[in-house]
Protein backbone atom coordinates (compact mmCIF):
# COMPACT_ATOMS: atom_id res chain seq x y z
CA MET A 1 61.06 57.54 29.49
CA THR A 2 57.70 57.57 27.69
CA ASP A 3 55.89 54.53 26.40
CA SER A 4 56.03 54.56 22.58
CA THR A 5 52.95 52.31 22.31
CA SER A 6 50.53 54.53 24.23
CA PRO A 7 49.45 56.71 21.25
CA ALA A 8 48.73 53.63 19.13
CA PRO A 9 45.95 52.24 21.36
CA ALA A 10 44.36 55.68 21.54
CA ARG A 11 44.52 55.96 17.75
CA THR A 12 43.11 52.45 17.36
CA GLU A 13 40.29 53.22 19.77
CA LYS A 14 39.46 56.43 17.87
CA MET A 15 39.37 54.51 14.55
CA ARG A 16 37.12 51.85 16.07
CA ALA A 17 34.75 54.48 17.46
CA ASP A 18 34.63 56.22 14.07
CA ARG A 19 33.81 52.92 12.31
CA GLN A 20 31.06 52.17 14.81
CA ALA A 21 29.57 55.64 14.36
CA ASP A 22 29.72 55.25 10.58
CA SER A 23 28.04 51.84 10.76
CA ALA A 24 25.31 53.19 13.02
CA HIS A 25 24.74 56.08 10.63
CA ARG A 26 24.49 53.71 7.63
CA ARG A 27 22.06 51.44 9.51
CA GLN A 28 19.87 54.42 10.34
CA ARG A 29 19.86 55.58 6.70
CA ILE A 30 18.77 52.10 5.58
CA ILE A 31 16.01 51.97 8.21
CA THR A 32 14.81 55.42 7.15
CA ALA A 33 14.86 54.48 3.47
CA ARG A 34 12.94 51.27 4.09
CA SER A 35 10.32 52.87 6.26
CA GLY A 36 9.85 55.72 3.79
CA ARG A 37 8.89 53.44 0.92
CA HIS A 38 5.25 53.36 -0.02
CA PRO A 39 3.51 50.00 0.64
CA THR A 40 2.45 49.82 -3.02
CA SER A 41 6.09 49.99 -4.04
CA LEU A 42 6.94 47.16 -1.65
CA GLN A 43 4.06 45.10 -3.01
CA ALA A 44 5.28 45.71 -6.56
CA ASP A 45 8.77 44.56 -5.53
CA HIS A 46 7.32 41.36 -4.05
CA LEU A 47 5.22 40.69 -7.14
CA LEU A 48 8.21 41.22 -9.42
CA ALA A 49 10.33 38.87 -7.31
CA ALA A 50 7.56 36.24 -7.38
CA HIS A 51 7.26 36.60 -11.15
CA GLU A 52 11.02 36.18 -11.56
CA ARG A 53 11.00 33.08 -9.33
CA GLY A 54 8.14 31.66 -11.38
CA ALA A 55 10.01 32.28 -14.62
CA CYS A 56 13.12 30.58 -13.24
CA LEU A 57 11.10 27.59 -12.06
CA ASN A 58 9.36 27.37 -15.43
CA ALA A 59 12.71 27.40 -17.23
CA LEU A 60 14.01 24.71 -14.87
CA VAL A 61 10.97 22.50 -15.49
CA ARG A 62 11.41 22.85 -19.24
CA GLN A 63 15.11 22.02 -18.97
CA LEU A 64 14.36 18.94 -16.87
CA GLN A 65 11.65 17.84 -19.28
CA LYS A 66 14.06 18.19 -22.18
CA ARG A 67 16.73 16.18 -20.41
CA LEU A 68 14.21 13.52 -19.45
CA SER A 69 12.91 13.26 -22.99
CA GLU A 70 16.47 12.88 -24.24
CA LEU A 71 17.03 10.02 -21.80
CA LEU A 72 13.76 8.27 -22.53
CA ASP A 73 12.78 7.38 -26.02
CA GLU A 74 10.18 9.69 -27.51
CA GLU A 75 7.39 7.10 -27.49
CA THR A 76 7.72 6.48 -23.75
CA TRP A 77 7.82 10.22 -23.13
CA GLN A 78 4.60 10.78 -25.10
CA GLN A 79 2.88 7.96 -23.18
CA MET A 80 3.87 9.56 -19.87
CA ARG A 81 2.53 12.96 -20.98
CA THR A 82 -0.77 11.36 -22.04
CA ILE A 83 -1.07 9.68 -18.63
CA ASP A 84 -0.31 12.98 -16.88
CA LYS A 85 -2.98 14.79 -18.91
CA ARG A 86 -5.53 12.14 -17.99
CA LYS A 87 -4.64 12.47 -14.32
CA LEU A 88 -5.16 16.22 -14.52
CA MET A 89 -8.56 15.74 -16.16
CA TYR A 90 -9.71 13.43 -13.38
CA GLN A 91 -8.44 15.75 -10.63
CA ARG A 92 -10.68 18.60 -11.76
């Protein structure tokens, strides 16, 4: 009598080995693609990402300022901005 489960582990092992080989091949392609990029291109990518982060932070600051001005009355808000401008002048 033969064991009916013996082909299944062999099949499973073959599938696992194929997946590992595929993953290794994909990793190698990524490494090759990354190492083949010109440093200027990488620098441009970093600059673009920094610019996008700056734009997001700027939008967030504006949103927070708007919310704060809505919570405070306009006169108090203007006084705070005047104080901040004076602080900046003295820091220079």
